[in-house]
Structures are given as C-alpha cells and as structure tokens.
C-alpha atoms as a PDB file:
ATOM      1  CA  UNK A   1      -5.490  -3.073 -21.074  1.00  0.00           C
ATOM      2  CA  UNK A   2      -2.309  -1.270 -20.929  1.00  0.00           C
ATOM      3  CA  UNK A   3       0.412  -1.767 -18.150  1.00  0.00           C
ATOM      4  CA  UNK A   4      -0.527   2.025 -16.161  1.00  0.00           C
ATOM      5  CA  UNK A   5      -4.484   0.287 -15.831  1.00  0.00           C
ATOM      6  CA  UNK A   6      -3.008  -3.128 -14.717  1.00  0.00           C
ATOM      7  CA  UNK A   7      -0.512  -1.157 -12.177  1.00  0.00           C
ATOM      8  CA  UNK A   8      -3.286   1.033 -11.029  1.00  0.00           C
ATOM      9  CA  UNK A   9      -5.178  -2.637 -10.291  1.00  0.00           C
ATOM     10  CA  UNK A  10      -2.725  -4.731  -9.167  1.00  0.00           C
ATOM     11  CA  UNK A  11      -1.519  -1.885  -6.687  1.00  0.00           C
ATOM     12  CA  UNK A  12      -4.602  -2.141  -5.120  1.00  0.00           C
ATOM     13  CA  UNK A  13      -3.895  -6.202  -3.370  1.00  0.00           C
ATOM     14  CA  UNK A  14      -1.376  -4.483  -0.710  1.00  0.00           C
ATOM     15  CA  UNK A  15      -2.926  -1.158  -0.023  1.00  0.00           C
ATOM     16  CA  UNK A  16      -6.323  -2.934   1.048  1.00  0.00           C
ATOM     17  CA  UNK A  17      -4.761  -6.682   2.319  1.00  0.00           C
ATOM     18  CA  UNK A  18      -1.855  -4.937   5.109  1.00  0.00           C
ATOM     19  CA  UNK A  19      -3.902  -2.896   6.652  1.00  0.00           C
ATOM     20  CA  UNK A  20      -6.889  -5.653   6.947  1.00  0.00           C
ATOM     21  CA  UNK A  21      -4.313  -8.147   7.668  1.00  0.00           C
ATOM     22  CA  UNK A  22      -2.788  -5.861  10.612  1.00  0.00           C
ATOM     23  CA  UNK A  23      -6.127  -5.235  12.183  1.00  0.00           C
ATOM     24  CA  UNK A  24      -6.798  -8.694  11.916  1.00  0.00           C
ATOM     25  CA  UNK A  25      -3.595  -9.642  13.490  1.00  0.00           C
ATOM     26  CA  UNK A  26      -3.796  -7.550  16.593  1.00  0.00           C
ATOM     27  CA  UNK A  27      -7.597  -8.834  16.877  1.00  0.00           C
ATOM     28  CA  UNK A  28      -6.047 -12.386  16.976  1.00  0.00           C
ATOM     29  CA  UNK A  29      -3.209 -11.592  19.727  1.00  0.00           C
ATOM     30  CA  UNK A  30      -5.900  -9.652  21.970  1.00  0.00           C
ATOM     31  CA  UNK A  31      -8.129 -12.509  21.784  1.00  0.00           C
ATOM     32  CA  UNK A  32      -5.900 -15.593  21.329  1.00  0.00           C
ATOM     33  CA  UNK A  33      -7.747 -16.106  18.184  1.00  0.00           C
ATOM     34  CA  UNK A  34      -5.289 -18.909  16.378  1.00  0.00           C
ATOM     35  CA  UNK A  35      -7.565 -19.475  13.514  1.00  0.00           C
ATOM     36  CA  UNK A  36      -7.455 -15.701  12.782  1.00  0.00           C
ATOM     37  CA  UNK A  37      -3.742 -14.818  13.141  1.00  0.00           C
ATOM     38  CA  UNK A  38      -3.774 -17.663  10.664  1.00  0.00           C
ATOM     39  CA  UNK A  39      -5.836 -15.283   8.048  1.00  0.00           C
ATOM     40  CA  UNK A  40      -3.929 -12.453   9.030  1.00  0.00           C
ATOM     41  CA  UNK A  41      -0.388 -14.164   7.866  1.00  0.00           C
ATOM     42  CA  UNK A  42      -2.020 -15.483   5.195  1.00  0.00           C
ATOM     43  CA  UNK A  43      -3.361 -12.062   4.240  1.00  0.00           C
ATOM     44  CA  UNK A  44       0.303 -11.028   4.495  1.00  0.00           C
ATOM     45  CA  UNK A  45       2.007 -13.488   2.583  1.00  0.00           C
ATOM     46  CA  UNK A  46      -0.453 -12.679  -0.441  1.00  0.00           C
ATOM     47  CA  UNK A  47      -0.343  -9.256  -0.510  1.00  0.00           C
ATOM     48  CA  UNK A  48       3.601  -8.991  -0.874  1.00  0.00           C
ATOM     49  CA  UNK A  49       3.003 -11.856  -3.276  1.00  0.00           C
ATOM     50  CA  UNK A  50       0.559  -8.910  -5.077  1.00  0.00           C
ATOM     51  CA  UNK A  51       3.252  -6.070  -4.364  1.00  0.00           C
ATOM     52  CA  UNK A  52       5.754  -7.891  -6.526  1.00  0.00           C
ATOM     53  CA  UNK A  53       3.636  -7.583 -10.233  1.00  0.00           C
ATOM     54  CA  UNK A  54       2.475  -4.185  -9.087  1.00  0.00           C
ATOM     55  CA  UNK A  55       5.804  -2.835  -8.021  1.00  0.00           C
ATOM     56  CA  UNK A  56       7.251  -4.862 -11.440  1.00  0.00           C
ATOM     57  CA  UNK A  57       4.895  -2.916 -14.048  1.00  0.00           C
ATOM     58  CA  UNK A  58       5.451   0.743 -12.235  1.00  0.00           C
ATOM     59  CA  UNK A  59       8.193   1.136 -14.762  1.00  0.00           C
ATOM     60  CA  UNK A  60       6.136   0.396 -18.023  1.00  0.00           C
ATOM     61  CA  UNK A  61       3.241   2.307 -16.846  1.00  0.00           C
ATOM     62  CA  UNK A  62       5.562   4.980 -16.206  1.00  0.00           C
ATOM     63  CA  UNK A  63       6.757   5.071 -19.902  1.00  0.00           C
ATOM     64  CA  UNK A  64       3.110   5.621 -20.927  1.00  0.00           C
ATOM     65  CA  UNK A  65       2.513   8.348 -18.645  1.00  0.00           C
ATOM     66  CA  UNK A  66       5.217  10.174 -18.462  1.00  0.00           C
ATOM     67  CA  UNK A  67       5.057  12.364 -21.603  1.00  0.00           C
ATOM     68  CA  UNK A  68       0.737  13.270 -21.092  1.00  0.00           C
ATOM     69  CA  UNK A  69       0.171  16.794 -20.572  1.00  0.00           C
ATOM     70  CA  UNK A  70       0.022  17.827 -17.017  1.00  0.00           C
ATOM     71  CA  UNK A  71       2.030  14.587 -15.863  1.00  0.00           C
ATOM     72  CA  UNK A  72       5.170  16.171 -13.408  1.00  0.00           C
ATOM     73  CA  UNK A  73       8.232  13.778 -14.065  1.00  0.00           C
ATOM     74  CA  UNK A  74       8.889  15.145  -9.963  1.00  0.00           C
ATOM     75  CA  UNK A  75       5.376  13.678  -9.182  1.00  0.00           C
ATOM     76  CA  UNK A  76       6.326  10.357 -10.567  1.00  0.00           C
ATOM     77  CA  UNK A  77      10.101  10.276  -9.254  1.00  0.00           C
ATOM     78  CA  UNK A  78       7.953  11.209  -5.700  1.00  0.00           C
ATOM     79  CA  UNK A  79       5.889   8.309  -6.149  1.00  0.00           C
ATOM     80  CA  UNK A  80       8.642   5.948  -7.147  1.00  0.00           C
ATOM     81  CA  UNK A  81      10.503   6.532  -4.126  1.00  0.00           C
ATOM     82  CA  UNK A  82       7.745   6.123  -1.566  1.00  0.00           C
ATOM     83  CA  UNK A  83       6.865   2.909  -3.362  1.00  0.00           C
ATOM     84  CA  UNK A  84      10.601   1.678  -3.123  1.00  0.00           C
ATOM     85  CA  UNK A  85       9.946   1.799   0.116  1.00  0.00           C
ATOM     86  CA  UNK A  86       6.533   0.491   0.694  1.00  0.00           C
ATOM     87  CA  UNK A  87       7.257  -2.395  -1.518  1.00  0.00           C
ATOM     88  CA  UNK A  88      10.700  -3.909   0.730  1.00  0.00           C
ATOM     89  CA  UNK A  89       8.391  -3.109   4.117  1.00  0.00           C
ATOM     90  CA  UNK A  90       5.200  -5.092   2.586  1.00  0.00           C
ATOM     91  CA  UNK A  91       7.831  -8.123   1.628  1.00  0.00           C
ATOM     92  CA  UNK A  92       9.223  -7.919   4.510  1.00  0.00           C
ATOM     93  CA  UNK A  93       5.791  -8.230   6.092  1.00  0.00           C
ATOM     94  CA  UNK A  94       4.971 -11.254   3.966  1.00  0.00           C
ATOM     95  CA  UNK A  95       8.069 -13.018   4.369  1.00  0.00           C
ATOM     96  CA  UNK A  96       7.887 -12.737   8.015  1.00  0.00           C
ATOM     97  CA  UNK A  97       4.226 -13.910   8.053  1.00  0.00           C
ATOM     98  CA  UNK A  98       5.806 -17.182   5.966  1.00  0.00           C
ATOM     99  CA  UNK A  99       8.203 -17.569   8.643  1.00  0.00           C
ATOM    100  CA  UNK A 100       5.791 -16.971  11.331  1.00  0.00           C
ATOM    101  CA  UNK A 101       3.220 -19.879  10.114  1.00  0.00           C
ATOM    102  CA  UNK A 102       6.294 -21.926   9.378  1.00  0.00           C
ATOM    103  CA  UNK A 103       7.248 -21.618  13.442  1.00  0.00           C
ATOM    104  CA  UNK A 104       4.185 -21.356  14.711  1.00  0.00           C
ATOM    105  CA  UNK A 105       4.083 -25.068  15.977  1.00  0.00           C
ATOM    106  CA  UNK A 106       7.762 -25.740  17.205  1.00  0.00           C
ATOM    107  CA  UNK A 107       8.367 -22.842  18.666  1.00  0.00           C
ATOM    108  CA  UNK A 108       5.006 -21.081  20.109  1.00  0.00           C
ATOM    109  CA  UNK A 109       6.905 -18.251  22.015  1.00  0.00           C
ATOM    110  CA  UNK A 110       9.042 -17.243  19.528  1.00  0.00           C
ATOM    111  CA  UNK A 111       5.831 -17.473  17.097  1.00  0.00           C
ATOM    112  CA  UNK A 112       3.894 -15.105  19.531  1.00  0.00           C
ATOM    113  CA  UNK A 113       7.228 -12.541  19.232  1.00  0.00           C
ATOM    114  CA  UNK A 114       7.004 -12.635  15.970  1.00  0.00           C
ATOM    115  CA  UNK A 115       3.243 -11.927  15.666  1.00  0.00           C
ATOM    116  CA  UNK A 116       3.505  -8.915  17.984  1.00  0.00           C
ATOM    117  CA  UNK A 117       6.131  -7.685  15.284  1.00  0.00           C
ATOM    118  CA  UNK A 118       4.331  -7.916  13.075  1.00  0.00           C
ATOM    119  CA  UNK A 119       1.495  -5.876  14.093  1.00  0.00           C
ATOM    120  CA  UNK A 120       4.008  -2.761  14.419  1.00  0.00           C
ATOM    121  CA  UNK A 121       5.625  -3.866  11.093  1.00  0.00           C
ATOM    122  CA  UNK A 122       2.250  -3.751   9.267  1.00  0.00           C
ATOM    123  CA  UNK A 123       1.403  -0.765  10.707  1.00  0.00           C
ATOM    124  CA  UNK A 124       4.113   0.758   9.551  1.00  0.00           C
ATOM    125  CA  UNK A 125       3.953  -1.141   6.049  1.00  0.00           C
ATOM    126  CA  UNK A 126       0.509   0.489   5.881  1.00  0.00           C
ATOM    127  CA  UNK A 127       1.304   3.810   6.269  1.00  0.00           C
ATOM    128  CA  UNK A 128       3.550   3.869   3.569  1.00  0.00           C
ATOM    129  CA  UNK A 129       1.373   1.905   1.222  1.00  0.00           C
ATOM    130  CA  UNK A 130      -0.994   5.069   2.141  1.00  0.00           C
ATOM    131  CA  UNK A 131       1.804   7.478   1.507  1.00  0.00           C
ATOM    132  CA  UNK A 132       2.697   6.038  -1.863  1.00  0.00           C
ATOM    133  CA  UNK A 133      -0.957   5.977  -2.751  1.00  0.00           C
ATOM    134  CA  UNK A 134      -1.106   9.014  -1.852  1.00  0.00           C
ATOM    135  CA  UNK A 135       1.782  10.396  -4.324  1.00  0.00           C
ATOM    136  CA  UNK A 136       0.087   8.066  -7.090  1.00  0.00           C
ATOM    137  CA  UNK A 137      -2.971   9.862  -7.043  1.00  0.00           C
ATOM    138  CA  UNK A 138      -1.186  13.067  -7.289  1.00  0.00           C
ATOM    139  CA  UNK A 139      -0.128  12.095 -10.789  1.00  0.00           C
ATOM    140  CA  UNK A 140      -2.901  11.908 -12.585  1.00  0.00           C
ATOM    141  CA  UNK A 141      -5.710  13.229 -10.434  1.00  0.00           C
ATOM    142  CA  UNK A 142      -4.966  16.869  -9.051  1.00  0.00           C
ATOM    143  CA  UNK A 143      -8.461  17.684  -7.930  1.00  0.00           C
ATOM    144  CA  UNK A 144      -8.295  14.720  -5.555  1.00  0.00           C
ATOM    145  CA  UNK A 145      -5.265  16.381  -3.257  1.00  0.00           C
ATOM    146  CA  UNK A 146      -5.110  20.373  -4.955  1.00  0.00           C
ATOM    147  CA  UNK A 147      -7.694  21.872  -1.907  1.00  0.00           C
ATOM    148  CA  UNK A 148      -6.344  25.516  -2.464  1.00  0.00           C
ATOM    149  CA  UNK A 149      -6.418  24.992  -6.779  1.00  0.00           C
ATOM    150  CA  UNK A 150     -10.149  23.720  -5.818  1.00  0.00           C
ATOM    151  CA  UNK A 151     -11.634  26.188  -3.506  1.00  0.00           C
ATOM    152  CA  UNK A 152      -9.893  29.175  -5.585  1.00  0.00           C
ATOM    153  CA  UNK A 153     -11.806  27.943  -8.570  1.00  0.00           C
ATOM    154  CA  UNK A 154     -14.736  27.508  -6.468  1.00  0.00           C
ATOM    155  CA  UNK A 155     -14.311  31.120  -5.760  1.00  0.00           C
ATOM    156  CA  UNK A 156     -13.902  32.235  -8.864  1.00  0.00           C
ATOM    157  CA  UNK A 157     -17.129  30.541 -10.193  1.00  0.00           C
ATOM    158  CA  UNK A 158     -19.074  32.133  -7.107  1.00  0.00           C
ATOM    159  CA  UNK A 159     -17.693  35.871  -7.958  1.00  0.00           C
ATOM    160  CA  UNK A 160     -18.937  34.931 -12.383  1.00  0.00           C
ATOM    161  CA  UNK A 161     -22.408  34.242 -10.885  1.00  0.00           C
ATOM    162  CA  UNK A 162     -22.652  37.464  -9.252  1.00  0.00           C
END
C-alpha cells in the first residue's frame, strides 16, 4: 500500500463522520437527547483526528500521481485548495466538539449554544468535504464527472452500430 492508496482510505473518515455527526447532533438538539449529542460530539472529534493524517499524507500522494498519464496539475491544485479549507473547518468542528464535551456539565446554556453552532459548522464542513472529494475524484476518475464526454462517446458508439 502506498501513500496515494492510504490517502484515499483515510479521507473517508471525515467525509463520512462529519455529515453523520451533524445529522445526529441536529436530531439530539430537536429531541433533547443528551446521549446522542455526546455520540455526535465524539464523532466530530474522531473525524478531526482522522483528517490530520489524511491531510498530511496528501503531499506524498500527490508525488505519486502527479506524473501519471492523464493527471492534471491544475486538477490536483484545485483539490489541494479545497482540502485546505475542508481540513481547517473539520479541525474547528472537532475542537469545538472537544470543548463542548468539557463544558457541558459546568455551563449547560453555553454548551447548548455551542451545540447549535456546531450543527451549522458541521453542515458547512460537510459541504466543503464533499466539494473536496469531488475535486479529488477528478484527479483519476474523469468518467465520474465528465458527462459531456461520456454522452458524446456514447453517441459515437451509437452511430458506429447503425
């Protein structure tokens, strides 16, 4: 297993955990479920911890794929720029969640306000993670996003069979 493979595996932690935790936390606030809120906060912390090695190994993964045929430096750069934003937002949500876990018993009102803010921050982080993943897929999987090329290729095949 090389750095590119490991990067692809590790990035799935925040991509899956942040939206999951966001939904759980919103549910916990609506239903006043303290245990579910705790689970969501722990998932946010875990996602931020998982994002660190995924982000750090990204440069090494870039070194592996940047010279492969069909890989565009511009596409890698777009993914890298999106990853910078997503990484820091994910760390912010994880840090805020760790803080919320620490202050929940001492200051319930502040904790409740923090949880509401974390739902919003989690939704924003989910969006940036999703966009970053989309940019990453474009590095080696053009068939996943280039519908114009796919449909044009399909049209050519249809004409060849006539």
